[in-house]
N, C-alpha and C. Protein backbone atom coordinates (compact mmCIF):
# COMPACT_ATOMS: atom_id res chain seq x y z
N MET A 1 -62.59 21.79 -38.83
CA MET A 1 -63.55 20.88 -38.28
C MET A 1 -62.83 19.58 -37.91
N LYS A 2 -63.06 19.13 -36.69
CA LYS A 2 -62.37 17.96 -36.18
C LYS A 2 -63.37 16.83 -35.98
N PHE A 3 -63.14 15.70 -36.68
CA PHE A 3 -64.04 14.55 -36.57
C PHE A 3 -63.58 13.57 -35.49
N PHE A 4 -62.36 13.67 -35.09
CA PHE A 4 -61.80 12.67 -34.21
C PHE A 4 -61.26 13.35 -32.95
N ASN A 5 -61.82 13.01 -31.81
CA ASN A 5 -61.38 13.55 -30.54
C ASN A 5 -60.77 12.39 -29.75
N VAL A 6 -59.50 12.51 -29.37
CA VAL A 6 -58.78 11.44 -28.69
C VAL A 6 -59.44 11.09 -27.36
N GLN A 7 -59.87 12.07 -26.62
CA GLN A 7 -60.51 11.82 -25.33
C GLN A 7 -61.83 11.05 -25.50
N THR A 8 -62.63 11.43 -26.48
CA THR A 8 -63.89 10.74 -26.75
C THR A 8 -63.62 9.30 -27.18
N PHE A 9 -62.60 9.11 -27.97
CA PHE A 9 -62.25 7.76 -28.41
C PHE A 9 -61.87 6.87 -27.22
N LYS A 10 -61.09 7.41 -26.27
CA LYS A 10 -60.69 6.64 -25.10
C LYS A 10 -61.91 6.24 -24.26
N VAL A 11 -62.82 7.17 -24.06
CA VAL A 11 -64.03 6.88 -23.29
C VAL A 11 -64.85 5.80 -24.02
N PHE A 12 -65.00 5.95 -25.32
CA PHE A 12 -65.76 4.97 -26.11
C PHE A 12 -65.11 3.58 -26.02
N ARG A 13 -63.80 3.54 -26.09
CA ARG A 13 -63.07 2.28 -26.03
C ARG A 13 -63.29 1.60 -24.68
N TYR A 14 -63.20 2.35 -23.58
CA TYR A 14 -63.42 1.77 -22.25
C TYR A 14 -64.86 1.30 -22.07
N MET A 15 -65.81 2.05 -22.58
CA MET A 15 -67.22 1.66 -22.50
C MET A 15 -67.45 0.36 -23.28
N LEU A 16 -66.84 0.26 -24.44
CA LEU A 16 -66.97 -0.94 -25.26
C LEU A 16 -66.38 -2.15 -24.54
N ILE A 17 -65.24 -1.98 -23.92
CA ILE A 17 -64.60 -3.07 -23.16
C ILE A 17 -65.50 -3.52 -22.01
N ILE A 18 -66.10 -2.58 -21.31
CA ILE A 18 -66.99 -2.91 -20.19
C ILE A 18 -68.22 -3.66 -20.69
N ILE A 19 -68.82 -3.20 -21.77
CA ILE A 19 -70.02 -3.85 -22.31
C ILE A 19 -69.71 -5.27 -22.78
N VAL A 20 -68.62 -5.45 -23.48
CA VAL A 20 -68.23 -6.78 -23.96
C VAL A 20 -67.93 -7.70 -22.77
N SER A 21 -67.25 -7.20 -21.77
CA SER A 21 -66.93 -8.01 -20.58
C SER A 21 -68.19 -8.45 -19.85
N LEU A 22 -69.13 -7.53 -19.67
CA LEU A 22 -70.39 -7.88 -19.00
C LEU A 22 -71.19 -8.90 -19.81
N THR A 23 -71.20 -8.74 -21.12
CA THR A 23 -71.92 -9.68 -21.98
C THR A 23 -71.31 -11.08 -21.88
N ILE A 24 -70.02 -11.17 -21.95
CA ILE A 24 -69.34 -12.46 -21.85
C ILE A 24 -69.59 -13.09 -20.48
N THR A 25 -69.50 -12.29 -19.43
CA THR A 25 -69.75 -12.80 -18.08
C THR A 25 -71.17 -13.32 -17.95
N ALA A 26 -72.13 -12.59 -18.47
CA ALA A 26 -73.54 -13.01 -18.39
C ALA A 26 -73.76 -14.31 -19.16
N CYS A 27 -73.13 -14.44 -20.30
CA CYS A 27 -73.32 -15.65 -21.11
C CYS A 27 -72.74 -16.89 -20.43
N TYR A 28 -71.63 -16.74 -19.76
CA TYR A 28 -70.96 -17.90 -19.17
C TYR A 28 -71.29 -18.13 -17.70
N SER A 29 -72.06 -17.24 -17.09
CA SER A 29 -72.37 -17.42 -15.68
C SER A 29 -73.69 -18.13 -15.45
N LYS A 30 -74.40 -18.49 -16.51
CA LYS A 30 -75.65 -19.22 -16.34
C LYS A 30 -75.37 -20.60 -15.78
N LYS A 31 -76.19 -20.99 -14.84
CA LYS A 31 -76.03 -22.29 -14.21
C LYS A 31 -76.59 -23.40 -15.09
N TYR A 32 -77.61 -23.08 -15.89
CA TYR A 32 -78.31 -24.07 -16.70
C TYR A 32 -78.23 -23.70 -18.18
N PRO A 33 -78.38 -24.68 -19.06
CA PRO A 33 -78.40 -24.37 -20.49
C PRO A 33 -79.59 -23.48 -20.83
N SER A 34 -79.52 -22.81 -21.96
CA SER A 34 -80.61 -21.91 -22.38
C SER A 34 -81.89 -22.67 -22.67
N ASN A 35 -81.78 -23.85 -23.25
CA ASN A 35 -82.96 -24.65 -23.59
C ASN A 35 -83.01 -25.90 -22.73
N TYR A 36 -84.22 -26.37 -22.51
CA TYR A 36 -84.38 -27.57 -21.69
C TYR A 36 -83.77 -28.78 -22.40
N PRO A 37 -83.26 -29.74 -21.61
CA PRO A 37 -82.58 -30.90 -22.19
C PRO A 37 -83.54 -31.98 -22.68
N SER A 38 -83.03 -32.81 -23.54
CA SER A 38 -83.81 -33.94 -24.04
C SER A 38 -83.65 -35.13 -23.09
N LEU A 39 -84.54 -36.10 -23.24
CA LEU A 39 -84.43 -37.35 -22.50
C LEU A 39 -84.58 -38.49 -23.48
N ILE A 40 -83.63 -39.39 -23.45
CA ILE A 40 -83.69 -40.62 -24.24
C ILE A 40 -83.68 -41.77 -23.24
N ILE A 41 -84.47 -42.77 -23.50
CA ILE A 41 -84.47 -43.96 -22.67
C ILE A 41 -83.82 -45.07 -23.48
N GLU A 42 -82.78 -45.65 -22.90
CA GLU A 42 -82.03 -46.70 -23.59
C GLU A 42 -82.44 -48.07 -23.05
N CYS A 43 -82.72 -48.98 -23.98
CA CYS A 43 -83.08 -50.35 -23.61
C CYS A 43 -82.33 -51.30 -24.53
N ASN A 44 -81.45 -52.11 -23.96
CA ASN A 44 -80.64 -53.07 -24.74
C ASN A 44 -79.89 -52.40 -25.88
N GLY A 45 -79.32 -51.22 -25.63
CA GLY A 45 -78.54 -50.52 -26.64
C GLY A 45 -79.36 -49.75 -27.66
N VAL A 46 -80.68 -49.76 -27.52
CA VAL A 46 -81.56 -49.05 -28.46
C VAL A 46 -82.14 -47.83 -27.75
N ASP A 47 -82.11 -46.67 -28.43
CA ASP A 47 -82.68 -45.45 -27.88
C ASP A 47 -84.18 -45.40 -28.15
N LEU A 48 -84.96 -45.24 -27.08
CA LEU A 48 -86.41 -45.15 -27.19
C LEU A 48 -86.82 -43.68 -27.11
N LYS A 49 -87.77 -43.30 -27.94
CA LYS A 49 -88.17 -41.90 -28.06
C LYS A 49 -89.11 -41.50 -26.92
N THR A 50 -88.88 -40.30 -26.39
CA THR A 50 -89.78 -39.70 -25.41
C THR A 50 -90.33 -38.41 -26.00
N GLU A 51 -91.43 -37.95 -25.47
CA GLU A 51 -92.02 -36.67 -25.85
C GLU A 51 -92.00 -35.76 -24.62
N VAL A 52 -91.83 -34.47 -24.86
CA VAL A 52 -91.88 -33.50 -23.77
C VAL A 52 -93.34 -33.18 -23.49
N ASN A 53 -93.70 -33.18 -22.22
CA ASN A 53 -95.07 -32.86 -21.84
C ASN A 53 -95.15 -31.46 -21.24
N GLU A 54 -94.53 -31.26 -20.10
CA GLU A 54 -94.61 -29.98 -19.41
C GLU A 54 -93.20 -29.48 -19.15
N VAL A 55 -93.01 -28.17 -19.32
CA VAL A 55 -91.69 -27.58 -19.11
C VAL A 55 -91.84 -26.24 -18.40
N THR A 56 -91.04 -26.03 -17.40
CA THR A 56 -90.78 -24.69 -16.89
C THR A 56 -89.27 -24.59 -16.78
N TRP A 57 -88.69 -23.76 -17.62
CA TRP A 57 -87.24 -23.65 -17.72
C TRP A 57 -86.93 -22.16 -17.72
N SER A 58 -86.80 -21.58 -16.52
CA SER A 58 -86.68 -20.13 -16.49
C SER A 58 -85.81 -19.63 -15.35
N GLU A 59 -85.19 -18.53 -15.63
CA GLU A 59 -84.52 -17.70 -14.63
C GLU A 59 -85.03 -16.30 -14.91
N ASN A 60 -85.92 -15.83 -14.04
CA ASN A 60 -86.57 -14.53 -14.24
C ASN A 60 -87.25 -14.46 -15.60
N GLY A 61 -88.15 -15.38 -15.84
CA GLY A 61 -88.84 -15.46 -17.13
C GLY A 61 -88.13 -16.49 -17.99
N GLY A 62 -88.82 -17.04 -18.97
CA GLY A 62 -88.16 -18.03 -19.82
C GLY A 62 -89.15 -18.94 -20.50
N ASN A 63 -88.71 -20.14 -20.81
CA ASN A 63 -89.52 -21.10 -21.56
C ASN A 63 -90.47 -21.87 -20.66
N SER A 64 -91.72 -22.00 -21.10
CA SER A 64 -92.70 -22.81 -20.40
C SER A 64 -93.64 -23.46 -21.40
N LEU A 65 -94.01 -24.69 -21.13
CA LEU A 65 -95.05 -25.40 -21.87
C LEU A 65 -96.06 -25.90 -20.86
N ILE A 66 -97.32 -25.75 -21.16
CA ILE A 66 -98.37 -26.18 -20.24
C ILE A 66 -98.61 -27.67 -20.41
N SER A 67 -98.86 -28.34 -19.30
CA SER A 67 -99.07 -29.78 -19.29
C SER A 67 -100.31 -30.19 -20.08
N VAL A 68 -100.17 -31.31 -20.76
CA VAL A 68 -101.26 -31.92 -21.52
C VAL A 68 -101.41 -33.34 -20.97
N PRO A 69 -102.63 -33.88 -20.90
CA PRO A 69 -102.76 -35.26 -20.43
C PRO A 69 -101.87 -36.22 -21.24
N GLU A 70 -101.22 -37.11 -20.54
CA GLU A 70 -100.29 -38.05 -21.18
C GLU A 70 -100.95 -38.85 -22.29
N PHE A 71 -102.21 -39.20 -22.11
CA PHE A 71 -102.93 -39.98 -23.13
C PHE A 71 -103.09 -39.20 -24.43
N ASP A 72 -103.26 -37.88 -24.32
CA ASP A 72 -103.35 -37.05 -25.53
C ASP A 72 -102.02 -37.02 -26.27
N ILE A 73 -100.94 -36.97 -25.54
CA ILE A 73 -99.61 -36.93 -26.16
C ILE A 73 -99.29 -38.27 -26.82
N THR A 74 -99.61 -39.36 -26.15
CA THR A 74 -99.21 -40.68 -26.65
C THR A 74 -100.15 -41.25 -27.70
N ASN A 75 -101.27 -40.60 -27.96
CA ASN A 75 -102.20 -41.08 -29.00
C ASN A 75 -101.51 -41.25 -30.35
N HIS A 76 -100.61 -40.33 -30.68
CA HIS A 76 -99.94 -40.37 -31.99
C HIS A 76 -98.63 -41.16 -31.96
N MET A 77 -98.22 -41.63 -30.79
CA MET A 77 -96.94 -42.32 -30.66
C MET A 77 -97.09 -43.82 -30.88
N GLU A 78 -96.14 -44.38 -31.60
CA GLU A 78 -96.05 -45.84 -31.69
C GLU A 78 -95.32 -46.31 -30.44
N PRO A 79 -95.80 -47.38 -29.81
CA PRO A 79 -95.11 -47.83 -28.60
C PRO A 79 -93.75 -48.46 -28.93
N ALA A 80 -92.78 -48.18 -28.08
CA ALA A 80 -91.49 -48.86 -28.18
C ALA A 80 -91.69 -50.28 -27.68
N ILE A 81 -91.04 -51.23 -28.31
CA ILE A 81 -91.20 -52.64 -27.93
C ILE A 81 -90.07 -53.03 -26.97
N VAL A 82 -90.46 -53.57 -25.81
CA VAL A 82 -89.49 -54.03 -24.82
C VAL A 82 -89.91 -55.41 -24.31
N ASN A 83 -89.00 -56.07 -23.68
CA ASN A 83 -89.28 -57.38 -23.08
C ASN A 83 -89.56 -57.22 -21.59
N PRO A 84 -90.21 -58.20 -20.99
CA PRO A 84 -90.49 -58.13 -19.55
C PRO A 84 -89.19 -57.94 -18.76
N ASN A 85 -89.26 -57.07 -17.77
CA ASN A 85 -88.16 -56.79 -16.84
C ASN A 85 -86.92 -56.18 -17.49
N ASN A 86 -87.02 -55.69 -18.74
CA ASN A 86 -85.89 -54.99 -19.34
C ASN A 86 -85.52 -53.77 -18.51
N LYS A 87 -84.23 -53.46 -18.49
CA LYS A 87 -83.75 -52.25 -17.84
C LYS A 87 -83.96 -51.08 -18.81
N LEU A 88 -84.60 -50.01 -18.33
CA LEU A 88 -84.83 -48.80 -19.11
C LEU A 88 -84.00 -47.69 -18.48
N ALA A 89 -82.88 -47.34 -19.12
CA ALA A 89 -81.94 -46.37 -18.57
C ALA A 89 -82.27 -44.97 -19.07
N LEU A 90 -82.37 -44.02 -18.14
CA LEU A 90 -82.66 -42.63 -18.48
C LEU A 90 -81.37 -41.91 -18.85
N LYS A 91 -81.33 -41.34 -20.04
CA LYS A 91 -80.17 -40.57 -20.51
C LYS A 91 -80.64 -39.13 -20.70
N ILE A 92 -80.34 -38.29 -19.71
CA ILE A 92 -80.81 -36.90 -19.70
C ILE A 92 -79.74 -36.02 -20.32
N GLY A 93 -80.15 -35.16 -21.25
CA GLY A 93 -79.22 -34.30 -21.97
C GLY A 93 -78.38 -33.40 -21.08
N TYR A 94 -78.91 -32.96 -19.95
CA TYR A 94 -78.16 -32.16 -18.98
C TYR A 94 -78.40 -32.80 -17.62
N ASP A 95 -77.43 -33.56 -17.14
CA ASP A 95 -77.66 -34.33 -15.92
C ASP A 95 -76.94 -33.78 -14.70
N SER A 96 -76.46 -32.56 -14.77
CA SER A 96 -75.80 -31.93 -13.62
C SER A 96 -76.84 -31.31 -12.69
N GLU A 97 -76.59 -31.43 -11.42
CA GLU A 97 -77.37 -30.75 -10.38
C GLU A 97 -78.87 -31.07 -10.41
N ILE A 98 -79.22 -32.30 -10.76
CA ILE A 98 -80.62 -32.72 -10.70
C ILE A 98 -80.98 -32.92 -9.24
N SER A 99 -82.10 -32.32 -8.82
CA SER A 99 -82.50 -32.48 -7.42
C SER A 99 -83.50 -33.62 -7.23
N LYS A 100 -84.27 -33.95 -8.28
CA LYS A 100 -85.28 -34.99 -8.11
C LYS A 100 -85.70 -35.55 -9.46
N ILE A 101 -85.91 -36.87 -9.50
CA ILE A 101 -86.50 -37.53 -10.67
C ILE A 101 -87.66 -38.38 -10.15
N LYS A 102 -88.82 -38.15 -10.72
CA LYS A 102 -90.02 -38.89 -10.31
C LYS A 102 -90.58 -39.61 -11.53
N VAL A 103 -90.73 -40.93 -11.42
CA VAL A 103 -91.27 -41.73 -12.52
C VAL A 103 -92.60 -42.33 -12.06
N ILE A 104 -93.62 -42.17 -12.90
CA ILE A 104 -94.92 -42.76 -12.60
C ILE A 104 -95.46 -43.48 -13.83
N ARG A 105 -96.22 -44.52 -13.57
CA ARG A 105 -96.98 -45.17 -14.64
C ARG A 105 -98.37 -44.54 -14.60
N VAL A 106 -98.87 -44.17 -15.77
CA VAL A 106 -100.17 -43.51 -15.85
C VAL A 106 -101.15 -44.48 -16.49
N GLU A 107 -102.28 -44.68 -15.81
CA GLU A 107 -103.32 -45.57 -16.33
C GLU A 107 -104.65 -44.84 -16.33
N MET A 108 -105.54 -45.28 -17.20
CA MET A 108 -106.91 -44.77 -17.21
C MET A 108 -107.80 -45.95 -16.81
N ILE A 109 -108.42 -45.84 -15.65
CA ILE A 109 -109.28 -46.90 -15.14
C ILE A 109 -110.67 -46.30 -14.92
N GLU A 110 -111.64 -46.82 -15.68
CA GLU A 110 -113.02 -46.36 -15.62
C GLU A 110 -113.11 -44.84 -15.76
N GLY A 111 -112.36 -44.31 -16.71
CA GLY A 111 -112.39 -42.88 -16.99
C GLY A 111 -111.62 -42.02 -16.00
N GLN A 112 -110.95 -42.62 -15.05
CA GLN A 112 -110.18 -41.89 -14.05
C GLN A 112 -108.69 -42.11 -14.26
N ARG A 113 -107.94 -41.01 -14.27
CA ARG A 113 -106.49 -41.09 -14.38
C ARG A 113 -105.92 -41.59 -13.06
N ARG A 114 -105.02 -42.55 -13.15
CA ARG A 114 -104.41 -43.12 -11.96
C ARG A 114 -102.89 -43.12 -12.12
N GLU A 115 -102.17 -42.72 -11.07
CA GLU A 115 -100.71 -42.70 -11.07
C GLU A 115 -100.18 -43.81 -10.17
N ILE A 116 -99.21 -44.55 -10.69
CA ILE A 116 -98.56 -45.60 -9.92
C ILE A 116 -97.07 -45.28 -9.87
N PRO A 117 -96.51 -45.01 -8.68
CA PRO A 117 -95.08 -44.69 -8.59
C PRO A 117 -94.22 -45.87 -9.07
N ILE A 118 -93.15 -45.54 -9.77
CA ILE A 118 -92.21 -46.54 -10.28
C ILE A 118 -90.85 -46.28 -9.62
N GLU A 119 -90.24 -47.33 -9.13
CA GLU A 119 -88.95 -47.20 -8.45
C GLU A 119 -87.84 -46.89 -9.45
N LEU A 120 -87.05 -45.90 -9.12
CA LEU A 120 -85.90 -45.49 -9.93
C LEU A 120 -84.63 -45.87 -9.18
N THR A 121 -83.76 -46.64 -9.84
CA THR A 121 -82.49 -47.06 -9.24
C THR A 121 -81.38 -46.79 -10.23
N ASP A 122 -80.39 -46.01 -9.81
CA ASP A 122 -79.25 -45.67 -10.68
C ASP A 122 -79.72 -45.15 -12.04
N ASP A 123 -80.64 -44.20 -12.02
CA ASP A 123 -81.19 -43.58 -13.24
C ASP A 123 -81.80 -44.60 -14.20
N SER A 124 -82.35 -45.67 -13.66
CA SER A 124 -82.99 -46.71 -14.48
C SER A 124 -84.26 -47.20 -13.81
N VAL A 125 -85.18 -47.66 -14.65
CA VAL A 125 -86.38 -48.33 -14.15
C VAL A 125 -86.46 -49.68 -14.85
N GLN A 126 -87.28 -50.55 -14.32
CA GLN A 126 -87.44 -51.87 -14.90
C GLN A 126 -88.80 -51.95 -15.58
N ALA A 127 -88.82 -52.49 -16.79
CA ALA A 127 -90.09 -52.70 -17.49
C ALA A 127 -90.92 -53.69 -16.70
N PRO A 128 -92.24 -53.55 -16.76
CA PRO A 128 -93.10 -54.49 -16.04
C PRO A 128 -92.92 -55.93 -16.53
N GLU A 129 -93.31 -56.85 -15.70
CA GLU A 129 -93.23 -58.26 -16.04
C GLU A 129 -94.40 -58.67 -16.94
N GLU A 130 -95.56 -58.05 -16.71
CA GLU A 130 -96.76 -58.40 -17.46
C GLU A 130 -96.75 -57.77 -18.85
N LYS A 131 -97.21 -58.55 -19.83
CA LYS A 131 -97.33 -58.03 -21.19
C LYS A 131 -98.41 -56.96 -21.23
N GLY A 132 -98.22 -56.00 -22.13
CA GLY A 132 -99.22 -54.94 -22.27
C GLY A 132 -98.58 -53.63 -22.68
N GLU A 133 -99.43 -52.63 -22.86
CA GLU A 133 -98.97 -51.30 -23.26
C GLU A 133 -98.95 -50.40 -22.02
N TYR A 134 -97.88 -49.61 -21.89
CA TYR A 134 -97.68 -48.79 -20.70
C TYR A 134 -97.31 -47.37 -21.10
N ILE A 135 -97.72 -46.42 -20.26
CA ILE A 135 -97.33 -45.02 -20.42
C ILE A 135 -96.65 -44.61 -19.12
N TYR A 136 -95.42 -44.10 -19.26
CA TYR A 136 -94.68 -43.60 -18.11
C TYR A 136 -94.49 -42.10 -18.27
N SER A 137 -94.58 -41.40 -17.15
CA SER A 137 -94.27 -39.98 -17.10
C SER A 137 -93.05 -39.81 -16.21
N ILE A 138 -92.06 -39.08 -16.72
CA ILE A 138 -90.80 -38.87 -15.99
C ILE A 138 -90.64 -37.38 -15.77
N LYS A 139 -90.68 -36.95 -14.52
CA LYS A 139 -90.50 -35.53 -14.20
C LYS A 139 -89.12 -35.34 -13.58
N VAL A 140 -88.32 -34.51 -14.24
CA VAL A 140 -86.96 -34.23 -13.78
C VAL A 140 -86.92 -32.79 -13.29
N THR A 141 -86.50 -32.60 -12.04
CA THR A 141 -86.43 -31.27 -11.45
C THR A 141 -84.98 -30.96 -11.12
N TRP A 142 -84.54 -29.79 -11.55
CA TRP A 142 -83.20 -29.32 -11.22
C TRP A 142 -83.28 -28.39 -10.02
N ASP A 143 -84.16 -27.42 -10.06
CA ASP A 143 -84.34 -26.50 -8.93
C ASP A 143 -85.74 -25.90 -8.99
N SER A 144 -86.14 -25.33 -7.87
CA SER A 144 -87.44 -24.67 -7.81
C SER A 144 -87.40 -23.62 -6.71
N THR A 145 -87.05 -22.42 -7.10
CA THR A 145 -87.01 -21.28 -6.18
C THR A 145 -87.76 -20.14 -6.83
N PRO A 146 -88.06 -19.08 -6.08
CA PRO A 146 -88.74 -17.94 -6.72
C PRO A 146 -87.94 -17.32 -7.87
N GLU A 147 -86.62 -17.42 -7.81
CA GLU A 147 -85.78 -16.81 -8.85
C GLU A 147 -85.52 -17.73 -10.03
N SER A 148 -85.63 -19.03 -9.83
CA SER A 148 -85.20 -19.97 -10.86
C SER A 148 -85.99 -21.27 -10.75
N ILE A 149 -86.64 -21.65 -11.85
CA ILE A 149 -87.38 -22.91 -11.88
C ILE A 149 -86.95 -23.68 -13.12
N HIS A 150 -86.52 -24.90 -12.91
CA HIS A 150 -86.09 -25.75 -14.02
C HIS A 150 -86.61 -27.16 -13.82
N PHE A 151 -87.66 -27.53 -14.56
CA PHE A 151 -88.13 -28.91 -14.56
C PHE A 151 -88.75 -29.23 -15.91
N VAL A 152 -88.69 -30.51 -16.25
CA VAL A 152 -89.27 -31.00 -17.50
C VAL A 152 -89.96 -32.32 -17.22
N SER A 153 -91.16 -32.49 -17.76
CA SER A 153 -91.85 -33.78 -17.70
C SER A 153 -91.83 -34.39 -19.09
N TYR A 154 -91.42 -35.63 -19.16
CA TYR A 154 -91.34 -36.38 -20.41
C TYR A 154 -92.34 -37.54 -20.36
N VAL A 155 -92.73 -38.02 -21.52
CA VAL A 155 -93.67 -39.14 -21.61
C VAL A 155 -93.10 -40.17 -22.58
N ILE A 156 -93.25 -41.44 -22.22
CA ILE A 156 -92.88 -42.53 -23.12
C ILE A 156 -94.00 -43.56 -23.11
N LYS A 157 -94.19 -44.15 -24.27
CA LYS A 157 -95.19 -45.22 -24.43
C LYS A 157 -94.43 -46.46 -24.91
N PHE A 158 -94.60 -47.56 -24.20
CA PHE A 158 -93.93 -48.79 -24.63
C PHE A 158 -94.85 -49.99 -24.43
N GLN A 159 -94.49 -51.04 -25.14
CA GLN A 159 -95.27 -52.28 -25.08
C GLN A 159 -94.35 -53.42 -24.66
N VAL A 160 -94.76 -54.12 -23.62
CA VAL A 160 -94.03 -55.30 -23.17
C VAL A 160 -94.60 -56.49 -23.93
N ILE A 161 -93.71 -57.22 -24.63
CA ILE A 161 -94.18 -58.37 -25.44
C ILE A 161 -93.74 -59.70 -24.84
């Protein structure tokens, strides 16, 4: 009785090499990280916390979170304290190949949600001049095609003193 066949071993060895090679190629050929990146907003050397609101991070299926109203997310958040006109720098965990960044201020006026576009310059925005509490939504898009969608919306709550 023969347990070891040289020809079978050679075929098995080549199959194993092919499988390992394909696995390594698949792991390193991804254009984007497996998980969506974080966003930190830096103001005067201090990192301000953001919360993730909506995520679609997929290549043929993948991670998604459904959007929640910004006011619901920020109810539990303590506002970050900033001064009027402070520079708020966006530090995105994966900043390669970003196609679009959209920043809006979200307000509730007479029960109606209102969006006010905020100008983004060199990955930074400026805190408002007027004192008060503000909610900003930052949507970062890397790509959006039928095969691959990568975007994340973040929320920050801050108070200008």
